[in-house]
Every structure is written in C-alpha cells, then in structure tokens.
Amino acid sequence: MSERRAVKPGPQREPVQSRSKASYERMLAAAQDLLKIHGNDEFTLTDVSRVGKVSVGSIYCRFDSKDDLIRAVQDRVQANIQQEQQQLIARVALETGNLHDLVAALTAGMAEHLRHHADILRAMMLRANHDPVVAQLGKTSHQAAIADIKLAILRYREDIAHPDPERAVQAGFNIMYAALARVLGLGSVREEGDMWEWEQLKRDLTHSFAAYLMTKPYVAQAASHDGGRPHSASPSEPRAGIPRGTDAAGLEEDADQDRQPDTTAAAPQRRPRGRPSTKAKAG
C-alpha cells in the first residue's frame, strides 16, 4: 500500500498531560462536527468553544487561528479516510479472483466509503478552493487512493485490453470518482434528487469502469489538413466503388482526360462578312 506523505497542516501545540489531551480532542471533535453540520467553515471559535465545552483561551493555547484548527481537523480526517481506503482495497483484493469482480467490488466499496464521509469531505473540498494547505492535503490523499487502486487492479494486467494499463486504471478511477462526487455534492451543494438512483449508479459505474479496462480503444482514422478530406486509402485497400485489382491511377488519368475540352472537333466555319456576291450562278 502507498505511504501517506506528511503535509504540515499549520501551527498547533499538542498537549502532553491527559487532561489537556482530552480538551484538545474536544476542540478537534467540535470543529469537525461544525464542519459537517454547516457544510462549510462558516462558524466561529466561540461556536467551537460552546460545542466542545472548552474556553476560547484554551483553543488559542493550541492553535494560532481558526484556519490552523481546521487544517488540523483536515489532517486527522484524511489520515482516517486513507486508512479505511487501504483496508477496503486490501479486503476486496483478497475476496475477488478476476478483474471484473475486483472492479465491481472496488466501485461499490468506494461509493459507500465516500457516501459515509460525504459531509466532512464536502466541507473540506469547499475550503480547498481558497486554502492551499487543505487543497494539498486532499490532493495527497487522492493520489494515495489512486496508487492503492492501481496496485490492486494491475494484478490482472494481462486482462486489460487498453494499451496503457496504468493510464487506463487512473482514468477509470477518476471518472468513477467524479461521478460519485457529483451525486454526493463533494465540492458543491448536494442535490437530493439524484440520490434515489444510487444503486443503479453503482451498477452503471461498475459496467463503465470494467468495460473501459477490458475493451480495446477504437482509433478512428484521422482526417488530413487539406480541406478536411480523409487521408487516401493505402494501396492494399481499394477505394469505395473501385473493384480490387483495378489500376486506380489509370482510372484517375482517364477521368482527367474526360474532363478536358474536346479540341479535335472541327470548329464551325464562319461566313465572310461583306456584300453578297453579284456573280450569276451557272446554269
């Protein structure tokens, strides 16, 4: 499994004595609860003091600002989420024996995992829009999840039809994650109307992810830049409407000749201009 890189969340002074540790834990728990309730960081340290039953002065003894408190919550939340993800992926890898079943179990497991933590993740993703420290913590956690997913799925590398298996796994996971985030409102306001299709969404995402990995990509013939016309067919592939074995070059030459004006026909004779002849006809 991947290792979580340490990202410094901000100045904090963790306590040593047991009584102070209990107070410190209440601060973090209160801030986390407020983030989940509000769906954002629109609360004050006075709110934290009230919910956590700690004084505002005690909070400032541990953190320089509300920002530092929220970053400490983010660091703890992401550590717990990543640990749960690693356990989920390890368990699914042991319980499945082929690529399709593994993808199905991972998709369903990740969906329920994100749904369980949606409230706190939603608040953190909103804050990440203007807090680079929180954004980096979230990015690090996401990259760790991708690394663990790759390790699990690439055990079935020979069953992946995509020419670039590593890229395919990462792209498939990102597409799956984006769809789940959209329905769960991660990074935005949750839309309740989408939730009734939750089970169907998981089935659709499983099918899409598995099909993407197990189907060879179709590469369309690129168009040339000479007016948008497609490239000419290769010599081994006759053009449409031309029987195989026909000299295409000769047909083109004949067609060009047919398009040329016919210069061999006699030009119409013109009567000379002037007065009509006065010479009497013979006989």
Protein backbone atom coordinates (compact mmCIF):
# COMPACT_ATOMS: atom_id res chain seq x y z
CA MET A 1 0.00 0.00 0.00
CA SER A 2 1.09 3.59 -0.58
CA GLU A 3 2.59 5.67 2.18
CA ARG A 4 0.95 8.91 3.17
CA ARG A 5 3.29 11.85 2.77
CA ALA A 6 3.31 14.24 5.68
CA VAL A 7 1.84 17.65 4.90
CA LYS A 8 2.15 20.20 7.67
CA PRO A 9 -1.40 21.37 8.42
CA GLY A 10 -0.42 24.51 10.36
CA PRO A 11 0.84 25.66 13.75
CA GLN A 12 -0.56 23.62 16.62
CA ARG A 13 0.68 22.76 20.06
CA GLU A 14 -0.40 19.27 21.04
CA PRO A 15 -0.79 18.74 24.81
CA VAL A 16 1.16 16.34 26.98
CA GLN A 17 -0.97 15.98 30.10
CA SER A 18 -4.01 13.71 29.94
CA ARG A 19 -6.44 16.45 30.99
CA SER A 20 -5.11 18.78 28.32
CA LYS A 21 -5.27 15.98 25.75
CA ALA A 22 -8.96 15.48 26.50
CA SER A 23 -9.59 19.19 25.99
CA TYR A 24 -7.57 19.12 22.76
CA GLU A 25 -9.59 16.20 21.42
CA ARG A 26 -12.85 18.04 22.19
CA MET A 27 -11.62 21.02 20.18
CA LEU A 28 -10.95 18.88 17.13
CA ALA A 29 -14.18 16.92 17.50
CA ALA A 30 -16.22 20.10 17.89
CA ALA A 31 -14.67 21.72 14.82
CA GLN A 32 -15.26 18.55 12.79
CA ASP A 33 -18.90 18.37 13.89
CA LEU A 34 -19.44 22.02 12.97
CA LEU A 35 -17.90 21.46 9.54
CA LYS A 36 -20.30 18.57 8.93
CA ILE A 37 -23.35 20.45 10.26
CA HIS A 38 -22.72 23.67 8.33
CA GLY A 39 -21.24 22.01 5.24
CA ASN A 40 -18.59 24.72 5.24
CA ASP A 41 -16.31 26.66 7.60
CA GLU A 42 -18.80 29.43 8.42
CA PHE A 43 -18.56 29.14 12.19
CA THR A 44 -16.54 30.88 14.88
CA LEU A 45 -14.17 29.78 17.60
CA THR A 46 -16.91 30.76 20.03
CA ASP A 47 -19.03 28.05 18.39
CA VAL A 48 -16.18 25.59 18.84
CA SER A 49 -15.89 26.64 22.48
CA ARG A 50 -19.59 26.08 23.06
CA VAL A 51 -19.84 22.70 21.29
CA GLY A 52 -16.56 21.35 22.66
CA LYS A 53 -17.05 22.73 26.18
CA VAL A 54 -13.66 24.39 26.13
CA SER A 55 -12.73 28.03 26.57
CA VAL A 56 -11.72 30.21 23.66
CA GLY A 57 -8.48 30.88 25.52
CA SER A 58 -7.76 27.14 25.61
CA ILE A 59 -8.23 26.97 21.84
CA TYR A 60 -5.75 29.80 21.30
CA CYS A 61 -3.28 27.97 23.54
CA ARG A 62 -3.26 25.16 20.97
CA PHE A 63 -3.88 26.98 17.67
CA ASP A 64 -2.97 30.42 16.36
CA SER A 65 -6.22 30.78 14.40
CA LYS A 66 -9.38 29.05 13.25
CA ASP A 67 -7.60 28.24 9.98
CA ASP A 68 -4.97 26.25 11.85
CA LEU A 69 -7.66 24.41 13.78
CA ILE A 70 -9.48 23.43 10.58
CA ARG A 71 -6.24 22.29 8.97
CA ALA A 72 -5.55 20.06 11.96
CA VAL A 73 -9.03 18.57 11.57
CA GLN A 74 -8.37 18.04 7.85
CA ASP A 75 -5.09 16.27 8.56
CA ARG A 76 -6.75 13.89 11.02
CA VAL A 77 -9.77 13.24 8.80
CA GLN A 78 -7.66 12.48 5.73
CA ALA A 79 -5.45 10.11 7.72
CA ASN A 80 -8.50 8.16 8.89
CA ILE A 81 -10.07 8.12 5.43
CA GLN A 82 -6.88 6.86 3.82
CA GLN A 83 -6.52 4.10 6.39
CA GLU A 84 -10.09 2.97 5.71
CA GLN A 85 -9.44 3.05 1.96
CA GLN A 86 -6.37 0.88 2.32
CA GLN A 87 -8.26 -1.64 4.40
CA LEU A 88 -11.12 -1.68 1.89
CA ILE A 89 -8.83 -2.25 -1.09
CA ALA A 90 -6.85 -4.98 0.70
CA ARG A 91 -10.02 -6.81 1.70
CA VAL A 92 -11.55 -6.62 -1.78
CA ALA A 93 -8.33 -7.83 -3.39
CA LEU A 94 -8.40 -10.94 -1.20
CA GLU A 95 -12.10 -11.64 -1.76
CA THR A 96 -12.11 -11.45 -5.59
CA GLY A 97 -10.41 -13.59 -8.20
CA ASN A 98 -10.83 -11.81 -11.52
CA LEU A 99 -10.70 -8.31 -12.99
CA HIS A 100 -14.43 -7.73 -13.36
CA ASP A 101 -15.31 -8.83 -9.82
CA LEU A 102 -12.47 -6.76 -8.41
CA VAL A 103 -13.63 -3.62 -10.26
CA ALA A 104 -17.23 -4.22 -9.17
CA ALA A 105 -16.28 -4.64 -5.51
CA LEU A 106 -13.94 -1.65 -5.55
CA THR A 107 -16.54 0.57 -7.19
CA ALA A 108 -19.28 -0.39 -4.73
CA GLY A 109 -16.90 -0.13 -1.76
CA MET A 110 -15.51 3.27 -2.73
CA ALA A 111 -19.03 4.58 -3.39
CA GLU A 112 -20.22 3.66 0.09
CA HIS A 113 -16.95 4.89 1.63
CA LEU A 114 -17.33 8.34 0.04
CA ARG A 115 -21.00 8.45 0.92
CA HIS A 116 -20.20 7.75 4.57
CA HIS A 117 -17.70 10.63 4.73
CA ALA A 118 -19.53 12.95 2.31
CA ASP A 119 -20.47 15.60 4.89
CA ILE A 120 -16.93 16.29 6.07
CA LEU A 121 -15.41 15.83 2.59
CA ARG A 122 -17.88 18.32 1.14
CA ALA A 123 -16.87 20.98 3.65
CA MET A 124 -13.17 20.31 3.12
CA MET A 125 -13.43 20.45 -0.67
CA LEU A 126 -15.24 23.77 -0.50
CA ARG A 127 -12.50 25.15 1.73
CA ALA A 128 -9.81 23.79 -0.60
CA ASN A 129 -10.95 26.35 -3.18
CA HIS A 130 -9.26 29.11 -1.17
CA ASP A 131 -6.94 27.28 1.25
CA PRO A 132 -3.84 25.83 -0.46
CA VAL A 133 -2.86 23.79 2.61
CA VAL A 134 -6.21 22.00 2.72
CA ALA A 135 -6.11 21.58 -1.07
CA GLN A 136 -2.69 19.92 -0.89
CA LEU A 137 -3.81 17.60 1.92
CA GLY A 138 -6.80 16.49 -0.17
CA LYS A 139 -4.69 16.03 -3.30
CA THR A 140 -2.17 13.89 -1.41
CA SER A 141 -4.93 11.65 -0.08
CA HIS A 142 -6.49 11.28 -3.54
CA GLN A 143 -3.16 10.35 -5.11
CA ALA A 144 -2.62 7.73 -2.42
CA ALA A 145 -6.01 6.20 -3.21
CA ILE A 146 -5.14 6.02 -6.91
CA ALA A 147 -1.81 4.36 -6.13
CA ASP A 148 -3.51 1.70 -3.99
CA ILE A 149 -6.19 1.09 -6.64
CA LYS A 150 -3.50 0.64 -9.29
CA LEU A 151 -1.63 -1.93 -7.22
CA ALA A 152 -4.81 -3.96 -6.80
CA ILE A 153 -6.11 -3.81 -10.39
CA LEU A 154 -2.78 -4.21 -12.18
CA ARG A 155 -2.50 -7.72 -10.76
CA TYR A 156 -4.78 -8.53 -13.72
CA ARG A 157 -2.70 -6.56 -16.22
CA GLU A 158 -2.96 -9.35 -18.81
CA ASP A 159 -6.77 -8.96 -18.82
CA ILE A 160 -6.65 -5.22 -19.51
CA ALA A 161 -7.15 -4.55 -23.23
CA HIS A 162 -6.15 -0.89 -23.04
CA PRO A 163 -2.62 -0.37 -24.47
CA ASP A 164 -1.62 1.71 -21.43
CA PRO A 165 -2.93 -0.18 -18.36
CA GLU A 166 -1.60 2.29 -15.77
CA ARG A 167 -3.22 5.24 -17.50
CA ALA A 168 -6.44 3.30 -18.03
CA VAL A 169 -6.75 2.44 -14.33
CA GLN A 170 -6.14 6.03 -13.27
CA ALA A 171 -8.54 7.44 -15.87
CA GLY A 172 -11.23 4.90 -14.98
CA PHE A 173 -10.91 5.67 -11.29
CA ASN A 174 -11.03 9.43 -11.85
CA ILE A 175 -14.16 9.10 -13.98
CA MET A 176 -15.82 6.92 -11.35
CA TYR A 177 -14.80 9.32 -8.56
CA ALA A 178 -16.06 12.36 -10.47
CA ALA A 179 -19.48 10.78 -11.00
CA LEU A 180 -19.79 9.86 -7.32
CA ALA A 181 -18.60 13.31 -6.24
CA ARG A 182 -21.23 14.91 -8.48
CA VAL A 183 -24.07 12.94 -6.91
CA LEU A 184 -22.75 13.35 -3.36
CA GLY A 185 -22.19 17.07 -3.84
CA LEU A 186 -18.50 16.95 -2.98
CA GLY A 187 -17.11 20.38 -3.64
CA SER A 188 -20.61 21.81 -4.11
CA VAL A 189 -24.11 21.74 -2.66
CA ARG A 190 -25.63 18.26 -2.54
CA GLU A 191 -28.61 17.66 -4.82
CA GLU A 192 -31.00 15.34 -3.02
CA GLY A 193 -32.92 14.49 -6.18
CA ASP A 194 -30.02 12.44 -7.54
CA MET A 195 -29.79 10.05 -4.59
CA TRP A 196 -32.74 7.83 -5.49
CA GLU A 197 -30.66 6.32 -8.33
CA TRP A 198 -27.76 5.44 -6.03
CA GLU A 199 -27.82 1.66 -6.52
CA GLN A 200 -28.26 1.99 -10.26
CA LEU A 201 -25.42 4.49 -10.38
CA LYS A 202 -23.08 1.98 -8.72
CA ARG A 203 -24.04 -0.69 -11.27
CA ASP A 204 -23.55 1.72 -14.18
CA LEU A 205 -20.16 2.85 -12.89
CA THR A 206 -19.06 -0.77 -12.42
CA HIS A 207 -20.01 -1.59 -16.01
CA SER A 208 -18.33 1.56 -17.37
CA PHE A 209 -15.09 1.06 -15.42
CA ALA A 210 -14.80 -2.64 -16.32
CA ALA A 211 -15.70 -2.09 -19.98
CA TYR A 212 -13.14 0.71 -20.24
CA LEU A 213 -10.38 -1.58 -18.99
CA MET A 214 -11.39 -4.72 -20.86
CA THR A 215 -12.20 -3.20 -24.27
CA LYS A 216 -9.55 -2.20 -26.78
CA PRO A 217 -9.93 1.50 -27.64
CA TYR A 218 -11.25 2.32 -31.10
CA VAL A 219 -8.96 4.68 -33.00
CA ALA A 220 -10.70 6.49 -35.83
CA GLN A 221 -8.78 7.33 -39.00
CA ALA A 222 -7.51 10.85 -38.67
CA ALA A 223 -8.51 13.46 -41.26
CA SER A 224 -5.86 15.26 -43.29
CA HIS A 225 -5.42 19.02 -43.23
CA ASP A 226 -6.09 19.53 -46.96
CA GLY A 227 -9.59 20.86 -46.66
CA GLY A 228 -10.78 18.27 -44.14
CA ARG A 229 -10.75 15.36 -46.59
CA PRO A 230 -9.70 12.00 -45.16
CA HIS A 231 -6.32 10.50 -45.95
CA SER A 232 -6.13 8.44 -49.12
CA ALA A 233 -6.57 4.71 -48.69
CA SER A 234 -3.49 2.51 -48.58
CA PRO A 235 -2.53 0.58 -51.77
CA SER A 236 -3.81 -2.65 -50.25
CA GLU A 237 -7.26 -1.16 -49.61
CA PRO A 238 -9.24 -0.26 -52.75
CA ARG A 239 -11.27 2.88 -52.68
CA ALA A 240 -15.02 2.70 -52.41
CA GLY A 241 -16.61 1.95 -55.78
CA ILE A 242 -13.36 0.73 -57.38
CA PRO A 243 -13.03 -3.05 -57.84
CA ARG A 244 -9.97 -4.67 -56.31
CA GLY A 245 -7.17 -5.05 -58.86
CA THR A 246 -8.20 -2.02 -60.91
CA ASP A 247 -5.46 0.46 -61.66
CA ALA A 248 -6.73 3.44 -59.70
CA ALA A 249 -4.09 5.71 -61.19
CA GLY A 250 -5.22 4.79 -64.68
CA LEU A 251 -8.83 5.50 -63.78
CA GLU A 252 -7.87 8.90 -62.48
CA GLU A 253 -5.94 9.63 -65.66
CA ASP A 254 -8.92 8.61 -67.79
CA ALA A 255 -11.20 10.74 -65.69
CA ASP A 256 -8.90 13.72 -66.11
CA GLN A 257 -8.90 13.22 -69.86
CA ASP A 258 -12.69 13.08 -69.89
CA ARG A 259 -12.80 16.40 -68.13
CA GLN A 260 -10.54 18.10 -70.72
CA PRO A 261 -12.31 20.07 -73.52
CA ASP A 262 -12.52 18.27 -76.86
CA THR A 263 -10.14 20.16 -79.18
CA THR A 264 -10.23 17.63 -82.06
CA ALA A 265 -13.72 18.54 -83.37
CA ALA A 266 -13.80 20.95 -86.35
CA ALA A 267 -14.56 24.50 -85.43
CA PRO A 268 -17.72 25.90 -87.01
CA GLN A 269 -16.98 27.87 -90.22
CA ARG A 270 -17.97 31.50 -90.29
CA ARG A 271 -19.33 33.19 -93.43
CA PRO A 272 -17.17 36.03 -94.56
CA ARG A 273 -18.59 39.43 -93.93
CA GLY A 274 -19.19 41.91 -96.79
CA ARG A 275 -21.60 42.47 -99.67
CA PRO A 276 -23.17 39.39 -101.24
CA SER A 277 -21.60 38.15 -104.48
CA THR A 278 -23.13 39.60 -107.72
CA LYS A 279 -21.75 36.83 -109.88
CA ALA A 280 -24.62 34.91 -111.53
CA LYS A 281 -24.92 31.29 -110.74
CA ALA A 282 -24.01 28.91 -113.52
CA GLY A 283 -26.87 27.38 -115.47
